[in-house]
Amino acid sequence: MDLQLLISNLTNPTLLFFALGIVATAVKSDLEIPPTTSKFISLYLLFSIGFKGGQELAHSPFSTEILYSLLFGLLIASLIPLYTFFILKRRLSNSDAGAIAAAYGSVSAVTFVSAVSFLEAQQLNFGGHMVAVMALMESPAIIVGVVLMMRNEAPTDDAQSNLRSIVQHSFTNGSVLMVLGSLFIGLIADTKQADGIKPFTTDIFKGFLAIFLLEMGMVTARRFSAFTRYGRFVTVFAVLVPVLNGCLVAGASHLVTDSVGNRFIFAILAASASYIAVPAAMRLAAPKADPGLYIPMALGVTFPINITLGMPLYFAIVQHS
């Protein structure tokens, strides 16, 4: 791994604001981001990423690479929960294993946003279709996780009803709808008109990301201790499994695309874990699953690992494979 690249990533202002949020909680500061402001910023980030992706897609003709990329993303999101569920079942309950498997098969939009910022620092581009890949990867993992839970429990009418509700929710979830809707609008929008809002979609992006990661740092610190009672197994899983997924996909992605930026995005999507869409879905699908387990795993362990050590590692693999 390039040491200079690692140092550059660790001193990235957005990452330092994440660290500041952890410190603020540790010293019991009264610093806080109002919930309405936090929700606005998260919607803004999804809107910006989706709209810019749509604009990029509008200027690039549909190709077999785009088709293969979409299929590759769906394959990743389906396979990860399939194998992780059975690893988790050895130590955890059926519901907890299914919820965690779904979280790690799904993706983190915030990690994706951080990866985009990382590529910009390296002066590298990525295809606009990768935004669509990210959005499509949200749903399959949730569905696979729910199906695995149902297959390991006695089937009931309520379970079948829940599955239908989960499938519907996974496609109408606010974050998925926002990023796909923005992607479509960016795709059909007039280029000159789109340039008129470029200062909003591009110039202030990193500033909003820094404030959002400040809040993520505070949330992480508050929830980190919630799962310590589960022992070292869940911590080791939250560190090793995402890194393994990211490294494998970073190496295998050359079968789909030669673009360094696209391959890096694939790796970070495979390595990330959802702590927004999946918890919302699991409230309905797995009420017995402990949110104090799968949310801190994704947000308190996997997210910091990915944005500090993971991204330079995946980038190095992509460059040399």
C-alpha atoms as a PDB file:
ATOM      1  CA  MET A   1       0.000   0.000   0.000  1.00  0.00           C
ATOM      2  CA  ASP A   2       1.276   3.493  -0.884  1.00  0.00           C
ATOM      3  CA  LEU A   3       2.184   5.145   2.448  1.00  0.00           C
ATOM      4  CA  GLN A   4       1.780   8.630   0.983  1.00  0.00           C
ATOM      5  CA  LEU A   5      -1.718   7.729  -0.194  1.00  0.00           C
ATOM      6  CA  LEU A   6      -2.620   6.396   3.258  1.00  0.00           C
ATOM      7  CA  ILE A   7      -1.340   9.563   4.971  1.00  0.00           C
ATOM      8  CA  SER A   8      -3.225  11.716   2.459  1.00  0.00           C
ATOM      9  CA  ASN A   9      -6.455   9.847   3.183  1.00  0.00           C
ATOM     10  CA  LEU A  10      -5.999  10.027   6.966  1.00  0.00           C
ATOM     11  CA  THR A  11      -5.484  13.798   6.766  1.00  0.00           C
ATOM     12  CA  ASN A  12      -8.450  14.369   4.481  1.00  0.00           C
ATOM     13  CA  PRO A  13     -10.557  17.188   6.030  1.00  0.00           C
ATOM     14  CA  THR A  14     -13.786  15.183   5.731  1.00  0.00           C
ATOM     15  CA  LEU A  15     -12.242  12.255   7.620  1.00  0.00           C
ATOM     16  CA  LEU A  16     -10.842  14.612  10.270  1.00  0.00           C
ATOM     17  CA  PHE A  17     -14.348  15.963  10.855  1.00  0.00           C
ATOM     18  CA  PHE A  18     -15.496  12.372  11.394  1.00  0.00           C
ATOM     19  CA  ALA A  19     -12.763  12.038  14.046  1.00  0.00           C
ATOM     20  CA  LEU A  20     -13.882  15.340  15.595  1.00  0.00           C
ATOM     21  CA  GLY A  21     -17.390  13.930  15.991  1.00  0.00           C
ATOM     22  CA  ILE A  22     -15.990  10.933  17.889  1.00  0.00           C
ATOM     23  CA  VAL A  23     -13.945  13.235  20.125  1.00  0.00           C
ATOM     24  CA  ALA A  24     -16.965  15.485  20.770  1.00  0.00           C
ATOM     25  CA  THR A  25     -18.975  12.539  22.052  1.00  0.00           C
ATOM     26  CA  ALA A  26     -16.046  11.120  24.048  1.00  0.00           C
ATOM     27  CA  VAL A  27     -15.605  14.397  25.971  1.00  0.00           C
ATOM     28  CA  LYS A  28     -19.400  14.720  26.402  1.00  0.00           C
ATOM     29  CA  SER A  29     -19.606  17.976  24.431  1.00  0.00           C
ATOM     30  CA  ASP A  30     -23.022  19.515  23.763  1.00  0.00           C
ATOM     31  CA  LEU A  31     -22.121  19.791  20.068  1.00  0.00           C
ATOM     32  CA  GLU A  32     -24.950  18.409  17.921  1.00  0.00           C
ATOM     33  CA  ILE A  33     -26.345  18.573  14.411  1.00  0.00           C
ATOM     34  CA  PRO A  34     -30.140  19.131  14.403  1.00  0.00           C
ATOM     35  CA  PRO A  35     -31.980  16.076  12.991  1.00  0.00           C
ATOM     36  CA  THR A  36     -33.681  18.149  10.290  1.00  0.00           C
ATOM     37  CA  THR A  37     -30.316  19.559   9.168  1.00  0.00           C
ATOM     38  CA  SER A  38     -28.767  16.093   9.105  1.00  0.00           C
ATOM     39  CA  LYS A  39     -31.650  14.746   7.015  1.00  0.00           C
ATOM     40  CA  PHE A  40     -31.350  17.661   4.588  1.00  0.00           C
ATOM     41  CA  ILE A  41     -27.602  17.105   4.150  1.00  0.00           C
ATOM     42  CA  SER A  42     -28.032  13.355   3.552  1.00  0.00           C
ATOM     43  CA  LEU A  43     -30.705  14.074   0.931  1.00  0.00           C
ATOM     44  CA  TYR A  44     -28.448  16.705  -0.651  1.00  0.00           C
ATOM     45  CA  LEU A  45     -25.531  14.253  -0.915  1.00  0.00           C
ATOM     46  CA  LEU A  46     -27.723  11.617  -2.570  1.00  0.00           C
ATOM     47  CA  PHE A  47     -29.217  14.224  -4.895  1.00  0.00           C
ATOM     48  CA  SER A  48     -25.788  15.554  -5.897  1.00  0.00           C
ATOM     49  CA  ILE A  49     -24.319  12.107  -6.549  1.00  0.00           C
ATOM     50  CA  GLY A  50     -27.395  10.968  -8.502  1.00  0.00           C
ATOM     51  CA  PHE A  51     -27.675  14.125 -10.592  1.00  0.00           C
ATOM     52  CA  LYS A  52     -23.977  14.194 -11.511  1.00  0.00           C
ATOM     53  CA  GLY A  53     -24.147  10.496 -12.343  1.00  0.00           C
ATOM     54  CA  GLY A  54     -27.113  11.108 -14.623  1.00  0.00           C
ATOM     55  CA  GLN A  55     -25.259  13.900 -16.394  1.00  0.00           C
ATOM     56  CA  GLU A  56     -22.238  11.633 -16.919  1.00  0.00           C
ATOM     57  CA  LEU A  57     -24.501   8.866 -18.189  1.00  0.00           C
ATOM     58  CA  ALA A  58     -26.191  11.264 -20.619  1.00  0.00           C
ATOM     59  CA  HIS A  59     -22.842  11.935 -22.283  1.00  0.00           C
ATOM     60  CA  SER A  60     -21.807   8.279 -22.552  1.00  0.00           C
ATOM     61  CA  PRO A  61     -23.581   5.856 -24.913  1.00  0.00           C
ATOM     62  CA  PHE A  62     -25.074   2.666 -23.489  1.00  0.00           C
ATOM     63  CA  SER A  63     -22.586  -0.179 -23.855  1.00  0.00           C
ATOM     64  CA  THR A  64     -22.053  -3.816 -22.906  1.00  0.00           C
ATOM     65  CA  GLU A  65     -19.746  -2.583 -20.103  1.00  0.00           C
ATOM     66  CA  ILE A  66     -22.652  -0.731 -18.497  1.00  0.00           C
ATOM     67  CA  LEU A  67     -24.867  -3.816 -18.784  1.00  0.00           C
ATOM     68  CA  TYR A  68     -22.165  -6.089 -17.338  1.00  0.00           C
ATOM     69  CA  SER A  69     -21.530  -3.585 -14.536  1.00  0.00           C
ATOM     70  CA  LEU A  70     -25.197  -3.618 -13.508  1.00  0.00           C
ATOM     71  CA  LEU A  71     -25.254  -7.425 -13.548  1.00  0.00           C
ATOM     72  CA  PHE A  72     -21.960  -7.621 -11.643  1.00  0.00           C
ATOM     73  CA  GLY A  73     -23.333  -5.301  -8.952  1.00  0.00           C
ATOM     74  CA  LEU A  74     -26.475  -7.409  -8.568  1.00  0.00           C
ATOM     75  CA  LEU A  75     -24.334 -10.562  -8.332  1.00  0.00           C
ATOM     76  CA  ILE A  76     -22.155  -9.070  -5.572  1.00  0.00           C
ATOM     77  CA  ALA A  77     -25.180  -7.904  -3.576  1.00  0.00           C
ATOM     78  CA  SER A  78     -26.732 -11.369  -3.794  1.00  0.00           C
ATOM     79  CA  LEU A  79     -23.656 -13.494  -3.030  1.00  0.00           C
ATOM     80  CA  ILE A  80     -22.315 -11.592   0.000  1.00  0.00           C
ATOM     81  CA  PRO A  81     -25.386 -12.148   2.242  1.00  0.00           C
ATOM     82  CA  LEU A  82     -25.586 -15.732   0.978  1.00  0.00           C
ATOM     83  CA  TYR A  83     -22.216 -16.748   2.392  1.00  0.00           C
ATOM     84  CA  THR A  84     -22.032 -14.405   5.388  1.00  0.00           C
ATOM     85  CA  PHE A  85     -25.360 -15.633   6.775  1.00  0.00           C
ATOM     86  CA  PHE A  86     -23.986 -19.128   7.374  1.00  0.00           C
ATOM     87  CA  ILE A  87     -20.804 -17.787   8.994  1.00  0.00           C
ATOM     88  CA  LEU A  88     -22.884 -15.649  11.350  1.00  0.00           C
ATOM     89  CA  LYS A  89     -25.341 -18.470  12.132  1.00  0.00           C
ATOM     90  CA  ARG A  90     -22.550 -20.344  13.922  1.00  0.00           C
ATOM     91  CA  ARG A  91     -22.536 -17.778  16.739  1.00  0.00           C
ATOM     92  CA  LEU A  92     -25.691 -15.668  16.443  1.00  0.00           C
ATOM     93  CA  SER A  93     -29.449 -16.133  16.276  1.00  0.00           C
ATOM     94  CA  ASN A  94     -31.234 -16.637  12.969  1.00  0.00           C
ATOM     95  CA  SER A  95     -32.686 -13.101  13.015  1.00  0.00           C
ATOM     96  CA  ASP A  96     -29.402 -11.390  13.907  1.00  0.00           C
ATOM     97  CA  ALA A  97     -27.517 -13.400  11.268  1.00  0.00           C
ATOM     98  CA  GLY A  98     -30.046 -12.454   8.575  1.00  0.00           C
ATOM     99  CA  ALA A  99     -30.045  -8.759   9.474  1.00  0.00           C
ATOM    100  CA  ILE A 100     -26.240  -8.536   9.526  1.00  0.00           C
ATOM    101  CA  ALA A 101     -25.932 -10.523   6.283  1.00  0.00           C
ATOM    102  CA  ALA A 102     -28.383  -8.119   4.605  1.00  0.00           C
ATOM    103  CA  ALA A 103     -26.475  -5.102   5.937  1.00  0.00           C
ATOM    104  CA  TYR A 104     -23.140  -6.339   4.591  1.00  0.00           C
ATOM    105  CA  GLY A 105     -24.591  -7.382   1.234  1.00  0.00           C
ATOM    106  CA  SER A 106     -26.239  -3.990   0.823  1.00  0.00           C
ATOM    107  CA  VAL A 107     -24.309  -0.743   0.372  1.00  0.00           C
ATOM    108  CA  SER A 108     -23.579   2.460   2.252  1.00  0.00           C
ATOM    109  CA  ALA A 109     -24.383   5.604   0.293  1.00  0.00           C
ATOM    110  CA  VAL A 110     -22.166   7.653   2.635  1.00  0.00           C
ATOM    111  CA  THR A 111     -19.195   5.343   2.000  1.00  0.00           C
ATOM    112  CA  PHE A 112     -19.901   5.691  -1.727  1.00  0.00           C
ATOM    113  CA  VAL A 113     -19.879   9.479  -1.376  1.00  0.00           C
ATOM    114  CA  SER A 114     -16.556   9.297   0.499  1.00  0.00           C
ATOM    115  CA  ALA A 115     -15.150   7.097  -2.287  1.00  0.00           C
ATOM    116  CA  VAL A 116     -16.188   9.686  -4.879  1.00  0.00           C
ATOM    117  CA  SER A 117     -14.340  12.345  -2.861  1.00  0.00           C
ATOM    118  CA  PHE A 118     -11.293  10.033  -2.716  1.00  0.00           C
ATOM    119  CA  LEU A 119     -11.292   9.631  -6.521  1.00  0.00           C
ATOM    120  CA  GLU A 120     -11.580  13.393  -6.985  1.00  0.00           C
ATOM    121  CA  ALA A 121      -8.475  13.832  -4.808  1.00  0.00           C
ATOM    122  CA  GLN A 122      -6.674  11.374  -7.136  1.00  0.00           C
ATOM    123  CA  GLN A 123      -8.030  13.318 -10.153  1.00  0.00           C
ATOM    124  CA  LEU A 124      -9.794  10.218 -11.442  1.00  0.00           C
ATOM    125  CA  ASN A 125     -13.272   9.898 -12.925  1.00  0.00           C
ATOM    126  CA  PHE A 126     -15.839   7.107 -12.721  1.00  0.00           C
ATOM    127  CA  GLY A 127     -18.770   6.215 -14.948  1.00  0.00           C
ATOM    128  CA  GLY A 128     -22.127   7.760 -14.212  1.00  0.00           C
ATOM    129  CA  HIS A 129     -23.705   4.296 -14.444  1.00  0.00           C
ATOM    130  CA  MET A 130     -21.931   3.365 -11.186  1.00  0.00           C
ATOM    131  CA  VAL A 131     -24.537   5.483  -9.365  1.00  0.00           C
ATOM    132  CA  ALA A 132     -27.217   3.211 -10.805  1.00  0.00           C
ATOM    133  CA  VAL A 133     -25.169   0.171  -9.758  1.00  0.00           C
ATOM    134  CA  MET A 134     -25.045   1.505  -6.177  1.00  0.00           C
ATOM    135  CA  ALA A 135     -28.798   2.093  -6.072  1.00  0.00           C
ATOM    136  CA  LEU A 136     -29.620  -1.334  -7.507  1.00  0.00           C
ATOM    137  CA  MET A 137     -27.379  -3.080  -4.963  1.00  0.00           C
ATOM    138  CA  GLU A 138     -29.533  -1.891  -2.040  1.00  0.00           C
ATOM    139  CA  SER A 139     -32.455  -4.232  -2.672  1.00  0.00           C
ATOM    140  CA  PRO A 140     -31.119  -7.734  -3.555  1.00  0.00           C
ATOM    141  CA  ALA A 141     -29.178  -8.062  -0.296  1.00  0.00           C
ATOM    142  CA  ILE A 142     -32.245  -7.177   1.793  1.00  0.00           C
ATOM    143  CA  ILE A 143     -34.366  -9.695  -0.099  1.00  0.00           C
ATOM    144  CA  VAL A 144     -31.741 -12.470   0.158  1.00  0.00           C
ATOM    145  CA  GLY A 145     -31.308 -11.808   3.895  1.00  0.00           C
ATOM    146  CA  VAL A 146     -35.055 -12.021   4.509  1.00  0.00           C
ATOM    147  CA  VAL A 147     -35.414 -15.195   2.415  1.00  0.00           C
ATOM    148  CA  LEU A 148     -32.561 -16.863   4.330  1.00  0.00           C
ATOM    149  CA  MET A 149     -34.235 -16.024   7.640  1.00  0.00           C
ATOM    150  CA  MET A 150     -37.559 -17.420   6.410  1.00  0.00           C
ATOM    151  CA  ARG A 151     -35.997 -20.644   5.136  1.00  0.00           C
ATOM    152  CA  ASN A 152     -34.499 -21.261   8.565  1.00  0.00           C
ATOM    153  CA  GLU A 153     -37.770 -20.619  10.394  1.00  0.00           C
ATOM    154  CA  ALA A 154     -41.242 -22.113  10.158  1.00  0.00           C
ATOM    155  CA  PRO A 155     -43.007 -20.346   7.266  1.00  0.00           C
ATOM    156  CA  THR A 156     -46.128 -18.360   8.126  1.00  0.00           C
ATOM    157  CA  ASP A 157     -48.632 -16.184   6.266  1.00  0.00           C
ATOM    158  CA  ASP A 158     -47.205 -13.179   8.097  1.00  0.00           C
ATOM    159  CA  ALA A 159     -43.737 -14.046   6.818  1.00  0.00           C
ATOM    160  CA  GLN A 160     -44.949 -14.108   3.206  1.00  0.00           C
ATOM    161  CA  SER A 161     -46.718 -10.787   3.731  1.00  0.00           C
ATOM    162  CA  ASN A 162     -43.558  -9.362   5.280  1.00  0.00           C
ATOM    163  CA  LEU A 163     -41.484 -10.448   2.274  1.00  0.00           C
ATOM    164  CA  ARG A 164     -43.821  -8.619  -0.113  1.00  0.00           C
ATOM    165  CA  SER A 165     -43.648  -5.519   2.070  1.00  0.00           C
ATOM    166  CA  ILE A 166     -39.848  -5.706   2.226  1.00  0.00           C
ATOM    167  CA  VAL A 167     -39.522  -6.028  -1.559  1.00  0.00           C
ATOM    168  CA  GLN A 168     -41.755  -2.982  -2.003  1.00  0.00           C
ATOM    169  CA  HIS A 169     -39.950  -1.023   0.709  1.00  0.00           C
ATOM    170  CA  SER A 170     -36.500  -1.789  -0.698  1.00  0.00           C
ATOM    171  CA  PHE A 171     -37.438  -0.125  -3.988  1.00  0.00           C
ATOM    172  CA  THR A 172     -39.378   2.810  -2.510  1.00  0.00           C
ATOM    173  CA  ASN A 173     -36.902   3.503   0.299  1.00  0.00           C
ATOM    174  CA  GLY A 174     -36.175   7.242   0.455  1.00  0.00           C
ATOM    175  CA  SER A 175     -32.437   6.965  -0.207  1.00  0.00           C
ATOM    176  CA  VAL A 176     -32.919   4.615  -3.180  1.00  0.00           C
ATOM    177  CA  LEU A 177     -35.724   6.734  -4.625  1.00  0.00           C
ATOM    178  CA  MET A 178     -33.722   9.959  -4.207  1.00  0.00           C
ATOM    179  CA  VAL A 179     -30.572   8.681  -5.901  1.00  0.00           C
ATOM    180  CA  LEU A 180     -32.444   6.915  -8.738  1.00  0.00           C
ATOM    181  CA  GLY A 181     -34.772   9.885  -9.239  1.00  0.00           C
ATOM    182  CA  SER A 182     -31.844  12.313  -9.341  1.00  0.00           C
ATOM    183  CA  LEU A 183     -30.014  10.000 -11.732  1.00  0.00           C
ATOM    184  CA  PHE A 184     -32.990  10.004 -14.099  1.00  0.00           C
ATOM    185  CA  ILE A 185     -33.411  13.790 -13.870  1.00  0.00           C
ATOM    186  CA  GLY A 186     -29.692  14.298 -14.534  1.00  0.00           C
ATOM    187  CA  LEU A 187     -29.978  11.946 -17.505  1.00  0.00           C
ATOM    188  CA  ILE A 188     -32.799  13.863 -19.240  1.00  0.00           C
ATOM    189  CA  ALA A 189     -31.972  17.410 -18.073  1.00  0.00           C
ATOM    190  CA  ASP A 190     -30.800  20.004 -20.593  1.00  0.00           C
ATOM    191  CA  THR A 191     -27.012  20.407 -20.292  1.00  0.00           C
ATOM    192  CA  LYS A 192     -27.081  24.224 -20.228  1.00  0.00           C
ATOM    193  CA  GLN A 193     -29.810  24.235 -17.581  1.00  0.00           C
ATOM    194  CA  ALA A 194     -27.885  21.655 -15.543  1.00  0.00           C
ATOM    195  CA  ASP A 195     -24.778  23.867 -15.619  1.00  0.00           C
ATOM    196  CA  GLY A 196     -26.856  26.560 -13.916  1.00  0.00           C
ATOM    197  CA  ILE A 197     -27.076  24.511 -10.712  1.00  0.00           C
ATOM    198  CA  LYS A 198     -23.491  23.227 -10.885  1.00  0.00           C
ATOM    199  CA  PRO A 199     -22.353  25.471  -7.981  1.00  0.00           C
ATOM    200  CA  PHE A 200     -24.955  23.695  -5.813  1.00  0.00           C
ATOM    201  CA  THR A 201     -24.341  20.153  -7.061  1.00  0.00           C
ATOM    202  CA  THR A 202     -20.535  20.326  -7.143  1.00  0.00           C
ATOM    203  CA  ASP A 203     -18.836  23.306  -5.498  1.00  0.00           C
ATOM    204  CA  ILE A 204     -20.296  22.932  -1.980  1.00  0.00           C
ATOM    205  CA  PHE A 205     -20.356  19.131  -2.023  1.00  0.00           C
ATOM    206  CA  LYS A 206     -17.258  18.522   0.115  1.00  0.00           C
ATOM    207  CA  GLY A 207     -18.326  21.073   2.715  1.00  0.00           C
ATOM    208  CA  PHE A 208     -21.658  19.336   3.257  1.00  0.00           C
ATOM    209  CA  LEU A 209     -19.887  15.972   3.312  1.00  0.00           C
ATOM    210  CA  ALA A 210     -17.593  17.212   6.103  1.00  0.00           C
ATOM    211  CA  ILE A 211     -20.540  18.323   8.264  1.00  0.00           C
ATOM    212  CA  PHE A 212     -22.363  15.066   7.605  1.00  0.00           C
ATOM    213  CA  LEU A 213     -19.336  12.997   8.615  1.00  0.00           C
ATOM    214  CA  LEU A 214     -19.022  15.108  11.769  1.00  0.00           C
ATOM    215  CA  GLU A 215     -22.472  13.872  12.748  1.00  0.00           C
ATOM    216  CA  MET A 216     -21.605  10.311  11.671  1.00  0.00           C
ATOM    217  CA  GLY A 217     -18.644  10.456  14.060  1.00  0.00           C
ATOM    218  CA  MET A 218     -20.910  11.424  16.952  1.00  0.00           C
ATOM    219  CA  VAL A 219     -23.451   8.698  16.103  1.00  0.00           C
ATOM    220  CA  THR A 220     -20.663   6.124  15.815  1.00  0.00           C
ATOM    221  CA  ALA A 221     -19.227   6.983  19.228  1.00  0.00           C
ATOM    222  CA  ARG A 222     -22.662   6.797  20.872  1.00  0.00           C
ATOM    223  CA  ARG A 223     -23.465   3.372  19.438  1.00  0.00           C
ATOM    224  CA  PHE A 224     -20.025   1.772  19.488  1.00  0.00           C
ATOM    225  CA  SER A 225     -20.288   0.300  22.976  1.00  0.00           C
ATOM    226  CA  ALA A 226     -23.752  -1.187  22.382  1.00  0.00           C
ATOM    227  CA  PHE A 227     -22.479  -4.435  20.914  1.00  0.00           C
ATOM    228  CA  THR A 228     -19.433  -5.086  23.119  1.00  0.00           C
ATOM    229  CA  ARG A 229     -21.448  -7.703  25.011  1.00  0.00           C
ATOM    230  CA  TYR A 230     -21.434  -9.896  21.890  1.00  0.00           C
ATOM    231  CA  GLY A 231     -17.700 -10.509  22.198  1.00  0.00           C
ATOM    232  CA  ARG A 232     -14.838 -10.361  19.741  1.00  0.00           C
ATOM    233  CA  PHE A 233     -16.528 -12.452  17.033  1.00  0.00           C
ATOM    234  CA  VAL A 234     -18.717  -9.605  15.718  1.00  0.00           C
ATOM    235  CA  THR A 235     -15.850  -7.094  15.818  1.00  0.00           C
ATOM    236  CA  VAL A 236     -13.525  -9.424  13.906  1.00  0.00           C
ATOM    237  CA  PHE A 237     -16.316 -10.081  11.387  1.00  0.00           C
ATOM    238  CA  ALA A 238     -16.980  -6.341  10.936  1.00  0.00           C
ATOM    239  CA  VAL A 239     -13.282  -5.755  10.199  1.00  0.00           C
ATOM    240  CA  LEU A 240     -12.200  -8.784   8.163  1.00  0.00           C
ATOM    241  CA  VAL A 241     -15.236  -9.706   6.054  1.00  0.00           C
ATOM    242  CA  PRO A 242     -15.744  -6.265   4.425  1.00  0.00           C
ATOM    243  CA  VAL A 243     -12.007  -5.933   3.722  1.00  0.00           C
ATOM    244  CA  LEU A 244     -11.995  -9.428   2.196  1.00  0.00           C
ATOM    245  CA  ASN A 245     -15.031  -8.576   0.046  1.00  0.00           C
ATOM    246  CA  GLY A 246     -13.427  -5.318  -1.103  1.00  0.00           C
ATOM    247  CA  CYS A 247     -10.102  -6.961  -1.984  1.00  0.00           C
ATOM    248  CA  LEU A 248     -11.727  -9.832  -3.896  1.00  0.00           C
ATOM    249  CA  VAL A 249     -13.969  -7.520  -5.910  1.00  0.00           C
ATOM    250  CA  ALA A 250     -11.094  -5.075  -6.539  1.00  0.00           C
ATOM    251  CA  GLY A 251      -9.204  -7.957  -8.148  1.00  0.00           C
ATOM    252  CA  ALA A 252     -12.151  -9.543  -9.976  1.00  0.00           C
ATOM    253  CA  SER A 253     -13.625  -6.295 -11.337  1.00  0.00           C
ATOM    254  CA  HIS A 254     -11.125  -6.274 -14.227  1.00  0.00           C
ATOM    255  CA  LEU A 255     -13.411  -8.894 -15.823  1.00  0.00           C
ATOM    256  CA  VAL A 256     -16.098  -6.210 -16.140  1.00  0.00           C
ATOM    257  CA  THR A 257     -14.221  -2.954 -16.736  1.00  0.00           C
ATOM    258  CA  ASP A 258     -10.715  -1.561 -17.233  1.00  0.00           C
ATOM    259  CA  SER A 259     -11.569   1.795 -15.621  1.00  0.00           C
ATOM    260  CA  VAL A 260      -9.594   2.327 -12.403  1.00  0.00           C
ATOM    261  CA  GLY A 261     -12.338   4.595 -11.042  1.00  0.00           C
ATOM    262  CA  ASN A 262     -15.132   2.111 -11.750  1.00  0.00           C
ATOM    263  CA  ARG A 263     -13.166  -0.797 -10.313  1.00  0.00           C
ATOM    264  CA  PHE A 264     -12.459   1.182  -7.140  1.00  0.00           C
ATOM    265  CA  ILE A 265     -16.157   2.011  -6.784  1.00  0.00           C
ATOM    266  CA  PHE A 266     -17.038  -1.675  -7.175  1.00  0.00           C
ATOM    267  CA  ALA A 267     -14.583  -2.567  -4.409  1.00  0.00           C
ATOM    268  CA  ILE A 268     -15.929   0.033  -1.984  1.00  0.00           C
ATOM    269  CA  LEU A 269     -19.530  -1.002  -2.686  1.00  0.00           C
ATOM    270  CA  ALA A 270     -18.666  -4.640  -1.931  1.00  0.00           C
ATOM    271  CA  ALA A 271     -16.831  -3.626   1.254  1.00  0.00           C
ATOM    272  CA  SER A 272     -19.440  -1.221   2.613  1.00  0.00           C
ATOM    273  CA  ALA A 273     -22.372  -2.081   4.865  1.00  0.00           C
ATOM    274  CA  SER A 274     -25.778  -0.405   5.033  1.00  0.00           C
ATOM    275  CA  TYR A 275     -26.833   1.308   8.250  1.00  0.00           C
ATOM    276  CA  ILE A 276     -29.770   3.295   6.845  1.00  0.00           C
ATOM    277  CA  ALA A 277     -31.866   1.234   4.387  1.00  0.00           C
ATOM    278  CA  VAL A 278     -31.337  -2.162   6.024  1.00  0.00           C
ATOM    279  CA  PRO A 279     -32.249  -1.119   9.603  1.00  0.00           C
ATOM    280  CA  ALA A 280     -35.437   0.462   8.259  1.00  0.00           C
ATOM    281  CA  ALA A 281     -36.324  -2.776   6.456  1.00  0.00           C
ATOM    282  CA  MET A 282     -35.360  -5.050   9.362  1.00  0.00           C
ATOM    283  CA  ARG A 283     -37.741  -3.295  11.741  1.00  0.00           C
ATOM    284  CA  LEU A 284     -40.481  -5.024   9.753  1.00  0.00           C
ATOM    285  CA  ALA A 285     -38.737  -8.195   8.559  1.00  0.00           C
ATOM    286  CA  ALA A 286     -36.787  -9.142  11.679  1.00  0.00           C
ATOM    287  CA  PRO A 287     -38.233  -7.493  14.795  1.00  0.00           C
ATOM    288  CA  LYS A 288     -36.256  -9.977  16.933  1.00  0.00           C
ATOM    289  CA  ALA A 289     -32.924  -8.829  15.445  1.00  0.00           C
ATOM    290  CA  ASP A 290     -30.970  -6.479  17.709  1.00  0.00           C
ATOM    291  CA  PRO A 291     -30.360  -3.027  16.097  1.00  0.00           C
ATOM    292  CA  GLY A 292     -27.754  -2.504  18.825  1.00  0.00           C
ATOM    293  CA  LEU A 293     -25.724  -5.177  17.042  1.00  0.00           C
ATOM    294  CA  TYR A 294     -25.952  -4.704  13.282  1.00  0.00           C
ATOM    295  CA  ILE A 295     -26.030  -0.876  13.230  1.00  0.00           C
ATOM    296  CA  PRO A 296     -22.856  -0.373  15.357  1.00  0.00           C
ATOM    297  CA  MET A 297     -21.088  -3.111  13.375  1.00  0.00           C
ATOM    298  CA  ALA A 298     -21.740  -1.312  10.085  1.00  0.00           C
ATOM    299  CA  LEU A 299     -21.354   2.247  11.328  1.00  0.00           C
ATOM    300  CA  GLY A 300     -18.950   1.934  14.265  1.00  0.00           C
ATOM    301  CA  VAL A 301     -16.461  -0.574  12.837  1.00  0.00           C
ATOM    302  CA  THR A 302     -16.808  -1.180   9.097  1.00  0.00           C
ATOM    303  CA  PHE A 303     -17.360   2.441   8.033  1.00  0.00           C
ATOM    304  CA  PRO A 304     -14.221   3.843   9.758  1.00  0.00           C
ATOM    305  CA  ILE A 305     -12.131   0.879   8.539  1.00  0.00           C
ATOM    306  CA  ASN A 306     -13.212   1.504   4.950  1.00  0.00           C
ATOM    307  CA  ILE A 307     -12.552   5.238   4.879  1.00  0.00           C
ATOM    308  CA  THR A 308      -9.179   5.024   6.632  1.00  0.00           C
ATOM    309  CA  LEU A 309      -7.404   1.793   5.647  1.00  0.00           C
ATOM    310  CA  GLY A 310      -9.806   0.219   3.167  1.00  0.00           C
ATOM    311  CA  MET A 311      -9.847   2.824   0.412  1.00  0.00           C
ATOM    312  CA  PRO A 312      -6.041   3.057  -0.009  1.00  0.00           C
ATOM    313  CA  LEU A 313      -5.843  -0.754   0.065  1.00  0.00           C
ATOM    314  CA  TYR A 314      -8.541  -1.314  -2.576  1.00  0.00           C
ATOM    315  CA  PHE A 315      -7.073   1.461  -4.722  1.00  0.00           C
ATOM    316  CA  ALA A 316      -3.618  -0.148  -4.580  1.00  0.00           C
ATOM    317  CA  ILE A 317      -5.065  -3.532  -5.616  1.00  0.00           C
ATOM    318  CA  VAL A 318      -6.962  -1.973  -8.527  1.00  0.00           C
ATOM    319  CA  GLN A 319      -3.836  -0.180  -9.728  1.00  0.00           C
ATOM    320  CA  HIS A 320      -1.678  -3.292  -9.658  1.00  0.00           C
ATOM    321  CA  SER A 321      -4.064  -5.930 -10.987  1.00  0.00           C
END
